[in-house]
Amino acid sequence: MSAPLPYRPPDEPVTSPLVPDPYGPVQQPLSGAVELAAERGPVVYVPGAHGGFVAVRREDLPTIHTPAPVPAPVASGVDPQAQRVAAKGVFAAGAGVGAYFAAGAAAIVVDSLAQALIAAAVAAGVAIAAPGRRGGGGDTYVTHHHVSNRWFGRSHTTVRNH
């Protein structure tokens, strides 16, 4: 709230022109008669010739009928924002399915590689453990079993080693 003004005699001059004098006489208009707003009707302020604004009664302004603006065409079809959201969802689903199939293919490749390494290790172990197959002149034994059947259930077997 504002503080009350100190007492000042009415004939004392105002010290600041910016502060209104609440005790001084009411200022009269500089020129012309007093016109009340209720008597003159609505007023519109328009730019004047010398850079200021001039009050003009609304009924004194020229009336120009401007055509109504053409409404913007309504886009038919699906909302573009909805299309973007749906496309992101389809992309995410496709990426997920692609990652699933890529992981399955990688598992097959790793499994095949593991089987190939195991087969190579078994072949190397057999090659190392096999005796007499190293290309030098090792001893080779061939055994022949010859069985000949005779009359009345008699059999004769011959074994020969070379």
N, C-alpha and C. Protein backbone atom coordinates (compact mmCIF):
# COMPACT_ATOMS: atom_id res chain seq x y z
N MET A 1 0.83 -1.16 0.00
CA MET A 1 0.00 0.00 0.00
C MET A 1 0.89 1.23 0.00
N SER A 2 0.33 2.27 -0.50
CA SER A 2 1.12 3.50 -0.55
C SER A 2 0.90 4.31 0.73
N ALA A 3 1.90 5.05 1.09
CA ALA A 3 1.83 5.90 2.28
C ALA A 3 1.04 7.16 1.94
N PRO A 4 0.33 7.74 2.89
CA PRO A 4 -0.42 8.97 2.59
C PRO A 4 0.54 10.12 2.30
N LEU A 5 0.07 11.03 1.45
CA LEU A 5 0.89 12.18 1.10
C LEU A 5 0.97 13.16 2.28
N PRO A 6 2.11 13.77 2.45
CA PRO A 6 2.20 14.76 3.53
C PRO A 6 1.34 15.99 3.21
N TYR A 7 0.96 16.70 4.24
CA TYR A 7 0.12 17.87 4.04
C TYR A 7 0.90 18.96 3.34
N ARG A 8 0.21 19.58 2.35
CA ARG A 8 0.81 20.68 1.62
C ARG A 8 -0.30 21.68 1.34
N PRO A 9 -0.04 22.92 1.57
CA PRO A 9 -1.08 23.93 1.30
C PRO A 9 -1.38 23.96 -0.20
N PRO A 10 -2.64 24.26 -0.59
CA PRO A 10 -3.02 24.21 -2.00
C PRO A 10 -2.32 25.24 -2.88
N ASP A 11 -1.85 26.33 -2.35
CA ASP A 11 -1.23 27.34 -3.19
C ASP A 11 0.26 27.10 -3.40
N GLU A 12 0.83 26.08 -2.77
CA GLU A 12 2.26 25.80 -2.91
C GLU A 12 2.49 25.11 -4.26
N PRO A 13 3.52 25.52 -5.03
CA PRO A 13 3.74 24.89 -6.35
C PRO A 13 4.24 23.44 -6.21
N VAL A 14 4.01 22.65 -7.28
CA VAL A 14 4.44 21.23 -7.32
C VAL A 14 5.93 21.21 -7.61
N THR A 15 6.65 20.43 -6.82
CA THR A 15 8.11 20.40 -6.99
C THR A 15 8.53 19.54 -8.18
N SER A 16 7.80 18.51 -8.52
CA SER A 16 8.17 17.63 -9.64
C SER A 16 7.02 17.61 -10.65
N PRO A 17 7.31 17.87 -11.93
CA PRO A 17 6.21 17.84 -12.91
C PRO A 17 5.72 16.43 -13.20
N LEU A 18 6.49 15.41 -12.81
CA LEU A 18 6.07 14.03 -13.09
C LEU A 18 5.08 13.52 -12.05
N VAL A 19 5.07 14.11 -10.88
CA VAL A 19 4.16 13.67 -9.82
C VAL A 19 2.89 14.51 -9.93
N PRO A 20 1.73 13.92 -10.05
CA PRO A 20 0.50 14.72 -10.16
C PRO A 20 0.18 15.41 -8.83
N ASP A 21 -0.44 16.52 -8.99
CA ASP A 21 -0.81 17.30 -7.79
C ASP A 21 -2.24 16.94 -7.42
N PRO A 22 -2.42 16.11 -6.36
CA PRO A 22 -3.80 15.73 -6.02
C PRO A 22 -4.59 16.87 -5.41
N TYR A 23 -3.91 17.90 -4.92
CA TYR A 23 -4.62 19.01 -4.27
C TYR A 23 -4.82 20.21 -5.19
N GLY A 24 -4.20 20.19 -6.34
CA GLY A 24 -4.28 21.34 -7.25
C GLY A 24 -5.59 21.36 -8.01
N PRO A 25 -5.83 22.43 -8.76
CA PRO A 25 -7.07 22.53 -9.53
C PRO A 25 -7.04 21.54 -10.69
N VAL A 26 -8.20 21.11 -11.14
CA VAL A 26 -8.33 20.16 -12.24
C VAL A 26 -7.91 20.85 -13.52
N GLN A 27 -7.07 20.19 -14.30
CA GLN A 27 -6.57 20.81 -15.53
C GLN A 27 -7.63 20.71 -16.60
N GLN A 28 -7.85 21.78 -17.32
CA GLN A 28 -8.81 21.81 -18.41
C GLN A 28 -8.12 21.37 -19.69
N PRO A 29 -8.89 20.86 -20.68
CA PRO A 29 -8.27 20.47 -21.95
C PRO A 29 -7.64 21.69 -22.63
N LEU A 30 -6.60 21.43 -23.40
CA LEU A 30 -5.88 22.51 -24.03
C LEU A 30 -6.71 23.20 -25.10
N SER A 31 -7.47 22.44 -25.87
CA SER A 31 -8.29 23.06 -26.91
C SER A 31 -9.53 22.21 -27.12
N GLY A 32 -10.61 22.80 -27.57
CA GLY A 32 -11.84 22.06 -27.88
C GLY A 32 -12.68 21.80 -26.66
N ALA A 33 -13.84 21.29 -26.94
CA ALA A 33 -14.77 21.00 -25.86
C ALA A 33 -14.50 19.62 -25.29
N VAL A 34 -14.98 19.39 -24.10
CA VAL A 34 -14.84 18.08 -23.45
C VAL A 34 -15.81 17.12 -24.11
N GLU A 35 -15.29 15.96 -24.51
CA GLU A 35 -16.14 14.96 -25.15
C GLU A 35 -16.05 13.68 -24.33
N LEU A 36 -17.17 13.19 -23.87
CA LEU A 36 -17.20 11.98 -23.06
C LEU A 36 -17.14 10.75 -23.97
N ALA A 37 -16.55 9.69 -23.44
CA ALA A 37 -16.40 8.47 -24.24
C ALA A 37 -17.74 7.84 -24.54
N ALA A 38 -18.68 7.94 -23.63
CA ALA A 38 -19.99 7.35 -23.86
C ALA A 38 -20.75 8.09 -24.96
N GLU A 39 -20.46 9.37 -25.16
CA GLU A 39 -21.14 10.15 -26.18
C GLU A 39 -20.56 9.94 -27.57
N ARG A 40 -19.27 9.67 -27.66
CA ARG A 40 -18.66 9.60 -28.98
C ARG A 40 -18.64 8.19 -29.57
N GLY A 41 -18.85 7.12 -28.80
CA GLY A 41 -18.83 5.75 -29.32
C GLY A 41 -17.43 5.17 -29.29
N PRO A 42 -17.27 3.99 -29.87
CA PRO A 42 -15.95 3.34 -29.83
C PRO A 42 -14.94 4.09 -30.68
N VAL A 43 -13.72 4.15 -30.18
CA VAL A 43 -12.64 4.89 -30.84
C VAL A 43 -11.53 3.91 -31.19
N VAL A 44 -10.96 4.12 -32.35
CA VAL A 44 -9.82 3.32 -32.81
C VAL A 44 -8.66 4.27 -33.00
N TYR A 45 -7.49 3.91 -32.54
CA TYR A 45 -6.29 4.74 -32.70
C TYR A 45 -5.53 4.26 -33.93
N VAL A 46 -5.33 5.17 -34.88
CA VAL A 46 -4.63 4.86 -36.12
C VAL A 46 -3.37 5.73 -36.20
N PRO A 47 -2.34 5.27 -36.93
CA PRO A 47 -1.13 6.08 -37.06
C PRO A 47 -1.44 7.39 -37.77
N GLY A 48 -0.90 8.48 -37.23
CA GLY A 48 -1.12 9.81 -37.81
C GLY A 48 -0.02 10.18 -38.79
N ALA A 49 -0.16 11.37 -39.37
CA ALA A 49 0.77 11.84 -40.39
C ALA A 49 2.13 12.20 -39.81
N HIS A 50 2.19 12.61 -38.56
CA HIS A 50 3.44 13.09 -37.97
C HIS A 50 4.06 12.09 -37.01
N GLY A 51 3.72 10.82 -37.12
CA GLY A 51 4.35 9.79 -36.30
C GLY A 51 3.60 9.42 -35.06
N GLY A 52 2.57 10.15 -34.66
CA GLY A 52 1.81 9.80 -33.46
C GLY A 52 0.57 9.00 -33.84
N PHE A 53 -0.28 8.75 -32.85
CA PHE A 53 -1.53 8.05 -33.09
C PHE A 53 -2.68 9.03 -32.91
N VAL A 54 -3.71 8.88 -33.74
CA VAL A 54 -4.87 9.78 -33.73
C VAL A 54 -6.11 8.93 -33.44
N ALA A 55 -6.98 9.44 -32.56
CA ALA A 55 -8.22 8.74 -32.24
C ALA A 55 -9.24 9.02 -33.33
N VAL A 56 -9.83 7.98 -33.88
CA VAL A 56 -10.85 8.09 -34.94
C VAL A 56 -12.02 7.22 -34.53
N ARG A 57 -13.26 7.80 -34.69
CA ARG A 57 -14.43 6.98 -34.38
C ARG A 57 -14.52 5.82 -35.35
N ARG A 58 -14.96 4.70 -34.84
CA ARG A 58 -15.00 3.49 -35.64
C ARG A 58 -15.94 3.64 -36.84
N GLU A 59 -17.03 4.33 -36.68
CA GLU A 59 -17.95 4.48 -37.81
C GLU A 59 -17.40 5.41 -38.89
N ASP A 60 -16.37 6.20 -38.58
CA ASP A 60 -15.77 7.08 -39.59
C ASP A 60 -14.71 6.39 -40.43
N LEU A 61 -14.29 5.19 -40.04
CA LEU A 61 -13.27 4.47 -40.81
C LEU A 61 -13.87 3.88 -42.07
N PRO A 62 -13.11 3.82 -43.17
CA PRO A 62 -13.64 3.19 -44.38
C PRO A 62 -13.78 1.69 -44.17
N THR A 63 -14.82 1.15 -44.72
CA THR A 63 -15.03 -0.29 -44.60
C THR A 63 -14.67 -0.97 -45.91
N ILE A 64 -13.82 -1.94 -45.83
CA ILE A 64 -13.42 -2.72 -47.01
C ILE A 64 -13.76 -4.17 -46.70
N HIS A 65 -14.57 -4.74 -47.54
CA HIS A 65 -14.93 -6.13 -47.33
C HIS A 65 -13.85 -7.01 -47.94
N THR A 66 -13.14 -7.68 -47.11
CA THR A 66 -12.10 -8.60 -47.58
C THR A 66 -12.69 -9.99 -47.66
N PRO A 67 -12.35 -10.71 -48.70
CA PRO A 67 -12.90 -12.06 -48.80
C PRO A 67 -12.34 -12.94 -47.68
N ALA A 68 -13.15 -13.86 -47.29
CA ALA A 68 -12.73 -14.78 -46.22
C ALA A 68 -11.57 -15.63 -46.74
N PRO A 69 -10.60 -15.89 -45.92
CA PRO A 69 -9.48 -16.70 -46.39
C PRO A 69 -9.93 -18.13 -46.70
N VAL A 70 -9.31 -18.67 -47.71
CA VAL A 70 -9.63 -20.03 -48.11
C VAL A 70 -9.10 -20.98 -47.03
N PRO A 71 -9.93 -21.88 -46.56
CA PRO A 71 -9.44 -22.79 -45.52
C PRO A 71 -8.36 -23.70 -46.09
N ALA A 72 -7.43 -24.03 -45.23
CA ALA A 72 -6.33 -24.91 -45.65
C ALA A 72 -6.88 -26.29 -45.95
N PRO A 73 -6.36 -26.92 -46.99
CA PRO A 73 -6.87 -28.26 -47.33
C PRO A 73 -6.55 -29.25 -46.22
N VAL A 74 -7.51 -30.09 -45.96
CA VAL A 74 -7.33 -31.10 -44.93
C VAL A 74 -6.62 -32.30 -45.56
N ALA A 75 -5.54 -32.71 -44.95
CA ALA A 75 -4.80 -33.85 -45.48
C ALA A 75 -5.61 -35.12 -45.27
N SER A 76 -5.75 -35.87 -46.34
CA SER A 76 -6.48 -37.12 -46.22
C SER A 76 -5.49 -38.25 -45.94
N GLY A 77 -5.97 -39.30 -45.37
CA GLY A 77 -5.09 -40.43 -45.07
C GLY A 77 -4.72 -40.45 -43.61
N VAL A 78 -3.62 -41.11 -43.34
CA VAL A 78 -3.18 -41.32 -41.96
C VAL A 78 -2.31 -40.14 -41.53
N ASP A 79 -2.38 -39.83 -40.27
CA ASP A 79 -1.59 -38.75 -39.68
C ASP A 79 -0.10 -39.04 -39.86
N PRO A 80 0.71 -38.07 -40.34
CA PRO A 80 2.14 -38.33 -40.54
C PRO A 80 2.88 -38.71 -39.26
N GLN A 81 2.48 -38.12 -38.14
CA GLN A 81 3.12 -38.49 -36.87
C GLN A 81 2.83 -39.95 -36.54
N ALA A 82 1.58 -40.38 -36.79
CA ALA A 82 1.23 -41.78 -36.54
C ALA A 82 2.01 -42.70 -37.48
N GLN A 83 2.23 -42.27 -38.71
CA GLN A 83 3.01 -43.07 -39.65
C GLN A 83 4.45 -43.22 -39.15
N ARG A 84 5.03 -42.13 -38.63
CA ARG A 84 6.41 -42.22 -38.12
C ARG A 84 6.50 -43.17 -36.94
N VAL A 85 5.53 -43.08 -36.03
CA VAL A 85 5.55 -43.96 -34.86
C VAL A 85 5.40 -45.42 -35.28
N ALA A 86 4.49 -45.68 -36.23
CA ALA A 86 4.30 -47.05 -36.71
C ALA A 86 5.55 -47.55 -37.43
N ALA A 87 6.21 -46.69 -38.20
CA ALA A 87 7.43 -47.11 -38.90
C ALA A 87 8.54 -47.44 -37.91
N LYS A 88 8.64 -46.68 -36.83
CA LYS A 88 9.65 -46.99 -35.81
C LYS A 88 9.36 -48.34 -35.16
N GLY A 89 8.08 -48.64 -34.92
CA GLY A 89 7.72 -49.93 -34.34
C GLY A 89 8.04 -51.08 -35.27
N VAL A 90 7.73 -50.92 -36.57
CA VAL A 90 8.03 -51.97 -37.55
C VAL A 90 9.54 -52.16 -37.67
N PHE A 91 10.28 -51.06 -37.65
CA PHE A 91 11.74 -51.17 -37.73
C PHE A 91 12.30 -51.91 -36.52
N ALA A 92 11.77 -51.59 -35.33
CA ALA A 92 12.26 -52.25 -34.11
C ALA A 92 11.95 -53.75 -34.16
N ALA A 93 10.75 -54.11 -34.64
CA ALA A 93 10.40 -55.53 -34.74
C ALA A 93 11.29 -56.23 -35.76
N GLY A 94 11.54 -55.59 -36.90
CA GLY A 94 12.41 -56.19 -37.91
C GLY A 94 13.84 -56.34 -37.40
N ALA A 95 14.31 -55.35 -36.66
CA ALA A 95 15.66 -55.45 -36.10
C ALA A 95 15.75 -56.59 -35.10
N GLY A 96 14.69 -56.77 -34.30
CA GLY A 96 14.69 -57.86 -33.33
C GLY A 96 14.68 -59.22 -34.00
N VAL A 97 13.86 -59.40 -35.04
CA VAL A 97 13.82 -60.67 -35.77
C VAL A 97 15.15 -60.90 -36.47
N GLY A 98 15.74 -59.85 -37.05
CA GLY A 98 17.04 -60.00 -37.71
C GLY A 98 18.13 -60.40 -36.73
N ALA A 99 18.11 -59.81 -35.54
CA ALA A 99 19.10 -60.18 -34.52
C ALA A 99 18.91 -61.63 -34.09
N TYR A 100 17.65 -62.09 -34.01
CA TYR A 100 17.39 -63.49 -33.63
C TYR A 100 17.99 -64.43 -34.67
N PHE A 101 17.73 -64.16 -35.95
CA PHE A 101 18.25 -65.04 -37.00
C PHE A 101 19.78 -64.95 -37.08
N ALA A 102 20.34 -63.77 -36.86
CA ALA A 102 21.80 -63.64 -36.87
C ALA A 102 22.43 -64.43 -35.73
N ALA A 103 21.79 -64.41 -34.56
CA ALA A 103 22.32 -65.18 -33.43
C ALA A 103 22.24 -66.67 -33.71
N GLY A 104 21.15 -67.12 -34.35
CA GLY A 104 21.04 -68.54 -34.73
C GLY A 104 22.11 -68.95 -35.72
N ALA A 105 22.37 -68.09 -36.72
CA ALA A 105 23.42 -68.40 -37.71
C ALA A 105 24.79 -68.42 -37.05
N ALA A 106 25.03 -67.49 -36.14
CA ALA A 106 26.32 -67.47 -35.44
C ALA A 106 26.50 -68.73 -34.59
N ALA A 107 25.41 -69.21 -33.98
CA ALA A 107 25.50 -70.45 -33.19
C ALA A 107 25.84 -71.64 -34.08
N ILE A 108 25.25 -71.68 -35.27
CA ILE A 108 25.55 -72.78 -36.21
C ILE A 108 27.01 -72.72 -36.63
N VAL A 109 27.52 -71.52 -36.94
CA VAL A 109 28.92 -71.38 -37.37
C VAL A 109 29.86 -71.80 -36.25
N VAL A 110 29.59 -71.37 -35.03
CA VAL A 110 30.46 -71.72 -33.90
C VAL A 110 30.41 -73.23 -33.64
N ASP A 111 29.23 -73.84 -33.74
CA ASP A 111 29.10 -75.28 -33.53
C ASP A 111 29.87 -76.05 -34.60
N SER A 112 29.75 -75.62 -35.87
CA SER A 112 30.47 -76.29 -36.96
C SER A 112 31.98 -76.15 -36.78
N LEU A 113 32.42 -74.97 -36.36
CA LEU A 113 33.85 -74.75 -36.13
C LEU A 113 34.35 -75.64 -34.99
N ALA A 114 33.56 -75.76 -33.93
CA ALA A 114 33.96 -76.63 -32.82
C ALA A 114 34.05 -78.09 -33.27
N GLN A 115 33.09 -78.55 -34.08
CA GLN A 115 33.13 -79.93 -34.57
C GLN A 115 34.34 -80.15 -35.46
N ALA A 116 34.67 -79.17 -36.31
CA ALA A 116 35.84 -79.30 -37.19
C ALA A 116 37.12 -79.38 -36.36
N LEU A 117 37.23 -78.57 -35.31
CA LEU A 117 38.42 -78.62 -34.46
C LEU A 117 38.53 -79.95 -33.72
N ILE A 118 37.40 -80.48 -33.25
CA ILE A 118 37.42 -81.78 -32.56
C ILE A 118 37.85 -82.87 -33.54
N ALA A 119 37.32 -82.87 -34.78
CA ALA A 119 37.70 -83.88 -35.78
C ALA A 119 39.18 -83.77 -36.12
N ALA A 120 39.71 -82.55 -36.23
CA ALA A 120 41.13 -82.39 -36.52
C ALA A 120 41.98 -82.90 -35.37
N ALA A 121 41.53 -82.67 -34.13
CA ALA A 121 42.29 -83.17 -32.97
C ALA A 121 42.28 -84.69 -32.92
N VAL A 122 41.14 -85.31 -33.24
CA VAL A 122 41.07 -86.78 -33.25
C VAL A 122 41.97 -87.34 -34.34
N ALA A 123 41.95 -86.74 -35.52
CA ALA A 123 42.80 -87.22 -36.62
C ALA A 123 44.28 -87.07 -36.26
N ALA A 124 44.66 -85.98 -35.61
CA ALA A 124 46.05 -85.79 -35.21
C ALA A 124 46.43 -86.82 -34.15
N GLY A 125 45.53 -87.10 -33.21
CA GLY A 125 45.83 -88.11 -32.19
C GLY A 125 45.99 -89.50 -32.77
N VAL A 126 45.16 -89.85 -33.75
CA VAL A 126 45.28 -91.16 -34.40
C VAL A 126 46.59 -91.22 -35.18
N ALA A 127 46.96 -90.18 -35.85
CA ALA A 127 48.19 -90.18 -36.64
C ALA A 127 49.41 -90.32 -35.72
N ILE A 128 49.36 -89.70 -34.57
CA ILE A 128 50.49 -89.78 -33.64
C ILE A 128 50.56 -91.16 -32.99
N ALA A 129 49.40 -91.74 -32.65
CA ALA A 129 49.38 -93.00 -31.91
C ALA A 129 49.55 -94.23 -32.79
N ALA A 130 49.37 -94.13 -34.09
CA ALA A 130 49.45 -95.32 -34.96
C ALA A 130 50.92 -95.76 -35.11
N PRO A 131 51.24 -97.03 -34.71
CA PRO A 131 52.63 -97.51 -34.83
C PRO A 131 52.92 -98.00 -36.25
N GLY A 132 54.14 -97.82 -36.69
CA GLY A 132 54.60 -98.38 -37.95
C GLY A 132 54.05 -97.70 -39.18
N ARG A 133 53.41 -96.64 -39.07
CA ARG A 133 52.85 -95.98 -40.25
C ARG A 133 53.56 -94.66 -40.51
N ARG A 134 54.78 -94.60 -40.15
CA ARG A 134 55.48 -93.31 -40.27
C ARG A 134 56.32 -93.21 -41.54
N GLY A 135 56.17 -94.12 -42.44
CA GLY A 135 56.85 -94.00 -43.72
C GLY A 135 58.20 -94.70 -43.76
N GLY A 136 58.76 -95.19 -42.66
CA GLY A 136 60.05 -95.89 -42.64
C GLY A 136 59.84 -97.37 -42.95
N GLY A 137 60.65 -98.19 -43.03
CA GLY A 137 60.48 -99.62 -43.34
C GLY A 137 60.17 -100.45 -42.11
N GLY A 138 59.04 -100.30 -41.49
CA GLY A 138 58.68 -101.06 -40.30
C GLY A 138 58.23 -102.48 -40.65
N ASP A 139 58.11 -103.36 -39.67
CA ASP A 139 57.68 -104.74 -39.88
C ASP A 139 56.18 -104.78 -40.06
N THR A 140 55.74 -105.58 -41.04
CA THR A 140 54.34 -105.76 -41.32
C THR A 140 54.06 -107.26 -41.25
N TYR A 141 53.07 -107.63 -40.50
CA TYR A 141 52.69 -109.04 -40.37
C TYR A 141 51.31 -109.23 -40.96
N VAL A 142 51.20 -110.24 -41.83
CA VAL A 142 49.93 -110.60 -42.45
C VAL A 142 49.63 -112.02 -42.00
N THR A 143 48.43 -112.20 -41.43
CA THR A 143 48.04 -113.52 -40.94
C THR A 143 46.91 -114.06 -41.80
N HIS A 144 47.07 -115.32 -42.31
CA HIS A 144 46.04 -115.98 -43.11
C HIS A 144 45.48 -117.14 -42.30
N HIS A 145 44.18 -117.21 -42.21
CA HIS A 145 43.50 -118.35 -41.58
C HIS A 145 42.80 -119.11 -42.70
N HIS A 146 43.22 -120.34 -42.85
CA HIS A 146 42.60 -121.15 -43.88
C HIS A 146 41.89 -122.32 -43.20
N VAL A 147 40.57 -122.39 -43.40
CA VAL A 147 39.78 -123.46 -42.79
C VAL A 147 39.21 -124.30 -43.91
N SER A 148 39.42 -125.60 -43.80
CA SER A 148 38.85 -126.52 -44.80
C SER A 148 38.01 -127.56 -44.06
N ASN A 149 36.80 -127.72 -44.54
CA ASN A 149 35.89 -128.69 -43.93
C ASN A 149 36.03 -130.03 -44.64
N ARG A 150 35.96 -131.11 -43.85
CA ARG A 150 36.11 -132.45 -44.40
C ARG A 150 34.85 -133.25 -44.13
N TRP A 151 34.92 -134.49 -44.51
CA TRP A 151 33.76 -135.37 -44.34
C TRP A 151 33.49 -135.61 -42.89
N PHE A 152 32.25 -135.79 -42.56
CA PHE A 152 31.74 -136.16 -41.25
C PHE A 152 32.08 -135.13 -40.17
N GLY A 153 32.02 -133.88 -40.49
CA GLY A 153 32.15 -132.80 -39.52
C GLY A 153 33.56 -132.52 -39.08
N ARG A 154 34.53 -133.02 -39.79
CA ARG A 154 35.91 -132.72 -39.43
C ARG A 154 36.36 -131.48 -40.16
N SER A 155 37.09 -130.57 -39.45
CA SER A 155 37.61 -129.35 -40.06
C SER A 155 39.10 -129.29 -39.83
N HIS A 156 39.79 -128.64 -40.73
CA HIS A 156 41.22 -128.47 -40.61
C HIS A 156 41.53 -126.97 -40.80
N THR A 157 42.32 -126.35 -39.87
CA THR A 157 42.64 -124.93 -39.90
C THR A 157 44.15 -124.80 -40.04
N THR A 158 44.57 -123.88 -40.96
CA THR A 158 45.97 -123.60 -41.18
C THR A 158 46.19 -122.09 -40.97
N VAL A 159 47.17 -121.71 -40.12
CA VAL A 159 47.49 -120.32 -39.87
C VAL A 159 48.88 -120.07 -40.39
N ARG A 160 49.03 -119.00 -41.22
CA ARG A 160 50.33 -118.68 -41.78
C ARG A 160 50.59 -117.18 -41.58
N ASN A 161 51.76 -116.85 -41.08
CA ASN A 161 52.16 -115.43 -40.89
C ASN A 161 53.28 -115.11 -41.88
N HIS A 162 53.23 -114.02 -42.44
CA HIS A 162 54.30 -113.57 -43.38
C HIS A 162 54.92 -112.32 -42.84
